[in-house]
Amino acid sequence: MGYELIKCEAFKRRDPAVKEILFRINSSSRGMREKALLAEKLRRDAETLLGCGGHDPAVPDCGNCREISRRRKRLAELILDRTA
């Protein structure tokens, strides 16, 4: 997705696991209960990055990390709403 260019260490550490979660959510063979569990993991990862203590609004990579994390959190919440 091109996120490899973000120079945020916290984002880089979490991104491979998040990509795996997204891949598994998108797998058509997953049941809704499993998708909900994966969405909860996605939401927790997004919230962790959104709460980053090293966030600097003057750094573009921080802004990109925040925007991507917000979108991932919204996606997780949509999935959780649909599976509730």
PDB file of N, CA and C in Angstrom:
ATOM      1  N   MET A   1       0.811  -1.202   0.000  1.00  0.00           N
ATOM      2  CA  MET A   1       0.000   0.000   0.000  1.00  0.00           C
ATOM      3  C   MET A   1       0.848   1.256   0.000  1.00  0.00           C
ATOM      4  N   GLY A   2       2.140   1.129   0.010  1.00  0.00           N
ATOM      5  CA  GLY A   2       2.999   2.297  -0.020  1.00  0.00           C
ATOM      6  C   GLY A   2       3.315   2.862   1.356  1.00  0.00           C
ATOM      7  N   TYR A   3       2.815   2.235   2.421  1.00  0.00           N
ATOM      8  CA  TYR A   3       3.045   2.745   3.763  1.00  0.00           C
ATOM      9  C   TYR A   3       4.463   2.487   4.240  1.00  0.00           C
ATOM     10  N   GLU A   4       5.231   1.699   3.482  1.00  0.00           N
ATOM     11  CA  GLU A   4       6.617   1.412   3.872  1.00  0.00           C
ATOM     12  C   GLU A   4       7.453   2.685   3.934  1.00  0.00           C
ATOM     13  N   LEU A   5       7.000   3.733   3.288  1.00  0.00           N
ATOM     14  CA  LEU A   5       7.759   4.981   3.241  1.00  0.00           C
ATOM     15  C   LEU A   5       7.622   5.807   4.515  1.00  0.00           C
ATOM     16  N   ILE A   6       6.662   5.484   5.357  1.00  0.00           N
ATOM     17  CA  ILE A   6       6.490   6.219   6.607  1.00  0.00           C
ATOM     18  C   ILE A   6       7.654   5.881   7.533  1.00  0.00           C
ATOM     19  N   LYS A   7       8.282   6.911   8.057  1.00  0.00           N
ATOM     20  CA  LYS A   7       9.493   6.730   8.863  1.00  0.00           C
ATOM     21  C   LYS A   7       9.207   6.714  10.364  1.00  0.00           C
ATOM     22  N   CYS A   8       8.050   6.252  10.728  1.00  0.00           N
ATOM     23  CA  CYS A   8       7.667   6.144  12.135  1.00  0.00           C
ATOM     24  C   CYS A   8       7.973   4.725  12.603  1.00  0.00           C
ATOM     25  N   GLU A   9       8.826   4.589  13.614  1.00  0.00           N
ATOM     26  CA  GLU A   9       9.223   3.256  14.081  1.00  0.00           C
ATOM     27  C   GLU A   9       8.046   2.481  14.667  1.00  0.00           C
ATOM     28  N   ALA A  10       7.183   3.154  15.411  1.00  0.00           N
ATOM     29  CA  ALA A  10       6.015   2.470  15.985  1.00  0.00           C
ATOM     30  C   ALA A  10       5.122   1.940  14.866  1.00  0.00           C
ATOM     31  N   PHE A  11       4.919   2.742  13.838  1.00  0.00           N
ATOM     32  CA  PHE A  11       4.093   2.323  12.700  1.00  0.00           C
ATOM     33  C   PHE A  11       4.747   1.149  11.982  1.00  0.00           C
ATOM     34  N   LYS A  12       6.050   1.251  11.750  1.00  0.00           N
ATOM     35  CA  LYS A  12       6.772   0.177  11.047  1.00  0.00           C
ATOM     36  C   LYS A  12       6.701  -1.148  11.803  1.00  0.00           C
ATOM     37  N   ARG A  13       6.765  -1.084  13.133  1.00  0.00           N
ATOM     38  CA  ARG A  13       6.697  -2.313  13.936  1.00  0.00           C
ATOM     39  C   ARG A  13       5.326  -2.970  13.832  1.00  0.00           C
ATOM     40  N   ARG A  14       4.266  -2.178  13.813  1.00  0.00           N
ATOM     41  CA  ARG A  14       2.908  -2.710  13.825  1.00  0.00           C
ATOM     42  C   ARG A  14       2.358  -3.013  12.436  1.00  0.00           C
ATOM     43  N   ASP A  15       2.846  -2.338  11.408  1.00  0.00           N
ATOM     44  CA  ASP A  15       2.230  -2.442  10.082  1.00  0.00           C
ATOM     45  C   ASP A  15       2.181  -3.867   9.517  1.00  0.00           C
ATOM     46  N   PRO A  16       3.232  -4.683   9.609  1.00  0.00           N
ATOM     47  CA  PRO A  16       3.130  -6.045   9.059  1.00  0.00           C
ATOM     48  C   PRO A  16       2.014  -6.865   9.711  1.00  0.00           C
ATOM     49  N   ALA A  17       1.873  -6.753  11.022  1.00  0.00           N
ATOM     50  CA  ALA A  17       0.806  -7.490  11.716  1.00  0.00           C
ATOM     51  C   ALA A  17      -0.563  -6.959  11.308  1.00  0.00           C
ATOM     52  N   VAL A  18      -0.671  -5.636  11.161  1.00  0.00           N
ATOM     53  CA  VAL A  18      -1.943  -5.039  10.753  1.00  0.00           C
ATOM     54  C   VAL A  18      -2.303  -5.477   9.337  1.00  0.00           C
ATOM     55  N   LYS A  19      -1.323  -5.514   8.457  1.00  0.00           N
ATOM     56  CA  LYS A  19      -1.592  -5.973   7.087  1.00  0.00           C
ATOM     57  C   LYS A  19      -2.083  -7.418   7.086  1.00  0.00           C
ATOM     58  N   GLU A  20      -1.525  -8.249   7.950  1.00  0.00           N
ATOM     59  CA  GLU A  20      -1.980  -9.642   8.065  1.00  0.00           C
ATOM     60  C   GLU A  20      -3.417  -9.696   8.579  1.00  0.00           C
ATOM     61  N   ILE A  21      -3.740  -8.866   9.566  1.00  0.00           N
ATOM     62  CA  ILE A  21      -5.112  -8.806  10.078  1.00  0.00           C
ATOM     63  C   ILE A  21      -6.067  -8.391   8.962  1.00  0.00           C
ATOM     64  N   LEU A  22      -5.698  -7.358   8.205  1.00  0.00           N
ATOM     65  CA  LEU A  22      -6.554  -6.892   7.109  1.00  0.00           C
ATOM     66  C   LEU A  22      -6.733  -7.978   6.051  1.00  0.00           C
ATOM     67  N   PHE A  23      -5.672  -8.691   5.739  1.00  0.00           N
ATOM     68  CA  PHE A  23      -5.757  -9.788   4.770  1.00  0.00           C
ATOM     69  C   PHE A  23      -6.732 -10.849   5.266  1.00  0.00           C
ATOM     70  N   ARG A  24      -6.627 -11.190   6.539  1.00  0.00           N
ATOM     71  CA  ARG A  24      -7.497 -12.222   7.103  1.00  0.00           C
ATOM     72  C   ARG A  24      -8.946 -11.751   7.177  1.00  0.00           C
ATOM     73  N   ILE A  25      -9.169 -10.484   7.486  1.00  0.00           N
ATOM     74  CA  ILE A  25     -10.535  -9.944   7.498  1.00  0.00           C
ATOM     75  C   ILE A  25     -11.139 -10.031   6.102  1.00  0.00           C
ATOM     76  N   ASN A  26     -10.345  -9.713   5.099  1.00  0.00           N
ATOM     77  CA  ASN A  26     -10.838  -9.700   3.718  1.00  0.00           C
ATOM     78  C   ASN A  26     -11.005 -11.086   3.117  1.00  0.00           C
ATOM     79  N   SER A  27     -10.496 -12.094   3.781  1.00  0.00           N
ATOM     80  CA  SER A  27     -10.631 -13.459   3.280  1.00  0.00           C
ATOM     81  C   SER A  27     -12.098 -13.869   3.338  1.00  0.00           C
ATOM     82  N   SER A  28     -12.626 -14.294   2.211  1.00  0.00           N
ATOM     83  CA  SER A  28     -14.049 -14.632   2.143  1.00  0.00           C
ATOM     84  C   SER A  28     -14.394 -15.865   2.964  1.00  0.00           C
ATOM     85  N   SER A  29     -13.404 -16.655   3.340  1.00  0.00           N
ATOM     86  CA  SER A  29     -13.675 -17.878   4.088  1.00  0.00           C
ATOM     87  C   SER A  29     -13.823 -17.635   5.593  1.00  0.00           C
ATOM     88  N   ARG A  30     -13.580 -16.430   6.045  1.00  0.00           N
ATOM     89  CA  ARG A  30     -13.673 -16.123   7.474  1.00  0.00           C
ATOM     90  C   ARG A  30     -15.132 -15.905   7.866  1.00  0.00           C
ATOM     91  N   GLY A  31     -15.512 -16.463   9.001  1.00  0.00           N
ATOM     92  CA  GLY A  31     -16.855 -16.231   9.532  1.00  0.00           C
ATOM     93  C   GLY A  31     -16.931 -14.869  10.200  1.00  0.00           C
ATOM     94  N   MET A  32     -18.135 -14.403  10.446  1.00  0.00           N
ATOM     95  CA  MET A  32     -18.325 -13.079  11.030  1.00  0.00           C
ATOM     96  C   MET A  32     -17.754 -12.994  12.450  1.00  0.00           C
ATOM     97  N   ARG A  33     -17.842 -14.068  13.204  1.00  0.00           N
ATOM     98  CA  ARG A  33     -17.289 -14.053  14.566  1.00  0.00           C
ATOM     99  C   ARG A  33     -15.777 -13.862  14.517  1.00  0.00           C
ATOM    100  N   GLU A  34     -15.115 -14.574  13.616  1.00  0.00           N
ATOM    101  CA  GLU A  34     -13.661 -14.428  13.491  1.00  0.00           C
ATOM    102  C   GLU A  34     -13.300 -13.039  12.980  1.00  0.00           C
ATOM    103  N   LYS A  35     -14.093 -12.519  12.044  1.00  0.00           N
ATOM    104  CA  LYS A  35     -13.827 -11.164  11.546  1.00  0.00           C
ATOM    105  C   LYS A  35     -13.962 -10.142  12.669  1.00  0.00           C
ATOM    106  N   ALA A  36     -14.929 -10.354  13.564  1.00  0.00           N
ATOM    107  CA  ALA A  36     -15.101  -9.439  14.696  1.00  0.00           C
ATOM    108  C   ALA A  36     -13.886  -9.488  15.622  1.00  0.00           C
ATOM    109  N   LEU A  37     -13.363 -10.676  15.877  1.00  0.00           N
ATOM    110  CA  LEU A  37     -12.166 -10.797  16.717  1.00  0.00           C
ATOM    111  C   LEU A  37     -10.971 -10.100  16.069  1.00  0.00           C
ATOM    112  N   LEU A  38     -10.837 -10.269  14.766  1.00  0.00           N
ATOM    113  CA  LEU A  38      -9.747  -9.608  14.045  1.00  0.00           C
ATOM    114  C   LEU A  38      -9.936  -8.093  14.045  1.00  0.00           C
ATOM    115  N   ALA A  39     -11.183  -7.645  13.889  1.00  0.00           N
ATOM    116  CA  ALA A  39     -11.469  -6.206  13.898  1.00  0.00           C
ATOM    117  C   ALA A  39     -11.119  -5.603  15.254  1.00  0.00           C
ATOM    118  N   GLU A  40     -11.353  -6.346  16.319  1.00  0.00           N
ATOM    119  CA  GLU A  40     -10.995  -5.852  17.653  1.00  0.00           C
ATOM    120  C   GLU A  40      -9.481  -5.684  17.772  1.00  0.00           C
ATOM    121  N   LYS A  41      -8.718  -6.622  17.228  1.00  0.00           N
ATOM    122  CA  LYS A  41      -7.249  -6.490  17.219  1.00  0.00           C
ATOM    123  C   LYS A  41      -6.832  -5.268  16.404  1.00  0.00           C
ATOM    124  N   LEU A  42      -7.474  -5.081  15.255  1.00  0.00           N
ATOM    125  CA  LEU A  42      -7.172  -3.936  14.399  1.00  0.00           C
ATOM    126  C   LEU A  42      -7.454  -2.633  15.141  1.00  0.00           C
ATOM    127  N   ARG A  43      -8.587  -2.576  15.825  1.00  0.00           N
ATOM    128  CA  ARG A  43      -8.938  -1.363  16.572  1.00  0.00           C
ATOM    129  C   ARG A  43      -7.910  -1.087  17.676  1.00  0.00           C
ATOM    130  N   ARG A  44      -7.498  -2.114  18.403  1.00  0.00           N
ATOM    131  CA  ARG A  44      -6.495  -1.924  19.466  1.00  0.00           C
ATOM    132  C   ARG A  44      -5.176  -1.403  18.901  1.00  0.00           C
ATOM    133  N   ASP A  45      -4.739  -1.978  17.773  1.00  0.00           N
ATOM    134  CA  ASP A  45      -3.493  -1.501  17.155  1.00  0.00           C
ATOM    135  C   ASP A  45      -3.623  -0.045  16.726  1.00  0.00           C
ATOM    136  N   ALA A  46      -4.756   0.297  16.128  1.00  0.00           N
ATOM    137  CA  ALA A  46      -4.972   1.678  15.690  1.00  0.00           C
ATOM    138  C   ALA A  46      -4.982   2.623  16.885  1.00  0.00           C
ATOM    139  N   GLU A  47      -5.657   2.234  17.955  1.00  0.00           N
ATOM    140  CA  GLU A  47      -5.713   3.085  19.145  1.00  0.00           C
ATOM    141  C   GLU A  47      -4.335   3.261  19.775  1.00  0.00           C
ATOM    142  N   THR A  48      -3.521   2.223  19.730  1.00  0.00           N
ATOM    143  CA  THR A  48      -2.157   2.327  20.251  1.00  0.00           C
ATOM    144  C   THR A  48      -1.387   3.393  19.486  1.00  0.00           C
ATOM    145  N   LEU A  49      -1.475   3.357  18.165  1.00  0.00           N
ATOM    146  CA  LEU A  49      -0.760   4.352  17.360  1.00  0.00           C
ATOM    147  C   LEU A  49      -1.360   5.745  17.533  1.00  0.00           C
ATOM    148  N   LEU A  50      -2.678   5.838  17.671  1.00  0.00           N
ATOM    149  CA  LEU A  50      -3.309   7.142  17.869  1.00  0.00           C
ATOM    150  C   LEU A  50      -2.915   7.759  19.210  1.00  0.00           C
ATOM    151  N   GLY A  51      -2.550   6.925  20.172  1.00  0.00           N
ATOM    152  CA  GLY A  51      -2.135   7.413  21.479  1.00  0.00           C
ATOM    153  C   GLY A  51      -0.630   7.558  21.630  1.00  0.00           C
ATOM    154  N   CYS A  52       0.087   7.526  20.536  1.00  0.00           N
ATOM    155  CA  CYS A  52       1.549   7.576  20.554  1.00  0.00           C
ATOM    156  C   CYS A  52       2.051   8.834  21.274  1.00  0.00           C
ATOM    157  N   GLY A  53       2.908   8.615  22.257  1.00  0.00           N
ATOM    158  CA  GLY A  53       3.484   9.724  23.003  1.00  0.00           C
ATOM    159  C   GLY A  53       4.517  10.517  22.224  1.00  0.00           C
ATOM    160  N   GLY A  54       5.019   9.942  21.141  1.00  0.00           N
ATOM    161  CA  GLY A  54       6.021  10.625  20.336  1.00  0.00           C
ATOM    162  C   GLY A  54       5.435  11.418  19.182  1.00  0.00           C
ATOM    163  N   HIS A  55       4.106  11.538  19.142  1.00  0.00           N
ATOM    164  CA  HIS A  55       3.461  12.253  18.030  1.00  0.00           C
ATOM    165  C   HIS A  55       3.910  13.707  17.987  1.00  0.00           C
ATOM    166  N   ASP A  56       4.303  14.148  16.803  1.00  0.00           N
ATOM    167  CA  ASP A  56       4.711  15.535  16.580  1.00  0.00           C
ATOM    168  C   ASP A  56       3.923  16.057  15.387  1.00  0.00           C
ATOM    169  N   PRO A  57       2.966  16.961  15.609  1.00  0.00           N
ATOM    170  CA  PRO A  57       2.133  17.456  14.512  1.00  0.00           C
ATOM    171  C   PRO A  57       2.922  18.149  13.400  1.00  0.00           C
ATOM    172  N   ALA A  58       4.154  18.546  13.681  1.00  0.00           N
ATOM    173  CA  ALA A  58       4.974  19.210  12.668  1.00  0.00           C
ATOM    174  C   ALA A  58       5.655  18.215  11.728  1.00  0.00           C
ATOM    175  N   VAL A  59       5.596  16.926  12.055  1.00  0.00           N
ATOM    176  CA  VAL A  59       6.269  15.899  11.253  1.00  0.00           C
ATOM    177  C   VAL A  59       5.246  15.233  10.333  1.00  0.00           C
ATOM    178  N   PRO A  60       5.432  15.339   9.013  1.00  0.00           N
ATOM    179  CA  PRO A  60       4.470  14.745   8.079  1.00  0.00           C
ATOM    180  C   PRO A  60       4.230  13.251   8.295  1.00  0.00           C
ATOM    181  N   ASP A  61       5.272  12.496   8.636  1.00  0.00           N
ATOM    182  CA  ASP A  61       5.081  11.063   8.872  1.00  0.00           C
ATOM    183  C   ASP A  61       4.137  10.813  10.045  1.00  0.00           C
ATOM    184  N   CYS A  62       4.196  11.653  11.061  1.00  0.00           N
ATOM    185  CA  CYS A  62       3.273  11.520  12.195  1.00  0.00           C
ATOM    186  C   CYS A  62       1.838  11.767  11.735  1.00  0.00           C
ATOM    187  N   GLY A  63       1.659  12.764  10.900  1.00  0.00           N
ATOM    188  CA  GLY A  63       0.325  13.039  10.364  1.00  0.00           C
ATOM    189  C   GLY A  63      -0.192  11.890   9.519  1.00  0.00           C
ATOM    190  N   ASN A  64       0.684  11.321   8.702  1.00  0.00           N
ATOM    191  CA  ASN A  64       0.285  10.181   7.867  1.00  0.00           C
ATOM    192  C   ASN A  64      -0.068   8.973   8.724  1.00  0.00           C
ATOM    193  N   CYS A  65       0.746   8.714   9.731  1.00  0.00           N
ATOM    194  CA  CYS A  65       0.490   7.600  10.643  1.00  0.00           C
ATOM    195  C   CYS A  65      -0.867   7.788  11.323  1.00  0.00           C
ATOM    196  N   ARG A  66      -1.139   8.995  11.794  1.00  0.00           N
ATOM    197  CA  ARG A  66      -2.415   9.282  12.456  1.00  0.00           C
ATOM    198  C   ARG A  66      -3.592   9.071  11.507  1.00  0.00           C
ATOM    199  N   GLU A  67      -3.471   9.567  10.281  1.00  0.00           N
ATOM    200  CA  GLU A  67      -4.580   9.437   9.323  1.00  0.00           C
ATOM    201  C   GLU A  67      -4.842   7.969   8.988  1.00  0.00           C
ATOM    202  N   ILE A  68      -3.798   7.218   8.737  1.00  0.00           N
ATOM    203  CA  ILE A  68      -3.957   5.791   8.427  1.00  0.00           C
ATOM    204  C   ILE A  68      -4.559   5.069   9.633  1.00  0.00           C
ATOM    205  N   SER A  69      -4.093   5.395  10.817  1.00  0.00           N
ATOM    206  CA  SER A  69      -4.607   4.756  12.033  1.00  0.00           C
ATOM    207  C   SER A  69      -6.071   5.108  12.261  1.00  0.00           C
ATOM    208  N   ARG A  70      -6.454   6.366  12.008  1.00  0.00           N
ATOM    209  CA  ARG A  70      -7.864   6.756  12.121  1.00  0.00           C
ATOM    210  C   ARG A  70      -8.731   5.945  11.167  1.00  0.00           C
ATOM    211  N   ARG A  71      -8.263   5.793   9.936  1.00  0.00           N
ATOM    212  CA  ARG A  71      -9.028   5.029   8.938  1.00  0.00           C
ATOM    213  C   ARG A  71      -9.140   3.562   9.329  1.00  0.00           C
ATOM    214  N   ARG A  72      -8.067   3.009   9.834  1.00  0.00           N
ATOM    215  CA  ARG A  72      -8.102   1.603  10.255  1.00  0.00           C
ATOM    216  C   ARG A  72      -9.040   1.424  11.444  1.00  0.00           C
ATOM    217  N   LYS A  73      -9.033   2.375  12.354  1.00  0.00           N
ATOM    218  CA  LYS A  73      -9.944   2.296  13.497  1.00  0.00           C
ATOM    219  C   LYS A  73     -11.393   2.382  13.029  1.00  0.00           C
ATOM    220  N   ARG A  74     -11.682   3.295  12.108  1.00  0.00           N
ATOM    221  CA  ARG A  74     -13.049   3.408  11.566  1.00  0.00           C
ATOM    222  C   ARG A  74     -13.479   2.115  10.901  1.00  0.00           C
ATOM    223  N   LEU A  75     -12.575   1.517  10.122  1.00  0.00           N
ATOM    224  CA  LEU A  75     -12.875   0.245   9.467  1.00  0.00           C
ATOM    225  C   LEU A  75     -13.200  -0.818  10.507  1.00  0.00           C
ATOM    226  N   ALA A  76     -12.381  -0.910  11.536  1.00  0.00           N
ATOM    227  CA  ALA A  76     -12.617  -1.898  12.594  1.00  0.00           C
ATOM    228  C   ALA A  76     -13.972  -1.667  13.251  1.00  0.00           C
ATOM    229  N   GLU A  77     -14.305  -0.414  13.520  1.00  0.00           N
ATOM    230  CA  GLU A  77     -15.586  -0.112  14.161  1.00  0.00           C
ATOM    231  C   GLU A  77     -16.764  -0.447  13.252  1.00  0.00           C
ATOM    232  N   LEU A  78     -16.619  -0.225  11.959  1.00  0.00           N
ATOM    233  CA  LEU A  78     -17.681  -0.607  11.016  1.00  0.00           C
ATOM    234  C   LEU A  78     -17.901  -2.114  11.031  1.00  0.00           C
ATOM    235  N   ILE A  79     -16.816  -2.857  11.017  1.00  0.00           N
ATOM    236  CA  ILE A  79     -16.926  -4.326  11.051  1.00  0.00           C
ATOM    237  C   ILE A  79     -17.578  -4.767  12.354  1.00  0.00           C
ATOM    238  N   LEU A  80     -17.152  -4.179  13.455  1.00  0.00           N
ATOM    239  CA  LEU A  80     -17.722  -4.550  14.753  1.00  0.00           C
ATOM    240  C   LEU A  80     -19.205  -4.199  14.828  1.00  0.00           C
ATOM    241  N   ASP A  81     -19.600  -3.067  14.255  1.00  0.00           N
ATOM    242  CA  ASP A  81     -21.020  -2.696  14.223  1.00  0.00           C
ATOM    243  C   ASP A  81     -21.835  -3.703  13.414  1.00  0.00           C
ATOM    244  N   ARG A  82     -21.269  -4.153  12.298  1.00  0.00           N
ATOM    245  CA  ARG A  82     -21.974  -5.100  11.422  1.00  0.00           C
ATOM    246  C   ARG A  82     -22.061  -6.499  12.022  1.00  0.00           C
ATOM    247  N   THR A  83     -21.150  -6.825  12.911  1.00  0.00           N
ATOM    248  CA  THR A  83     -21.124  -8.178  13.469  1.00  0.00           C
ATOM    249  C   THR A  83     -21.758  -8.242  14.857  1.00  0.00           C
ATOM    250  N   ALA A  84     -22.203  -7.101  15.369  1.00  0.00           N
ATOM    251  CA  ALA A  84     -22.796  -7.069  16.725  1.00  0.00           C
ATOM    252  C   ALA A  84     -24.181  -7.692  16.745  1.00  0.00           C
TER     253      ALA A  84
END
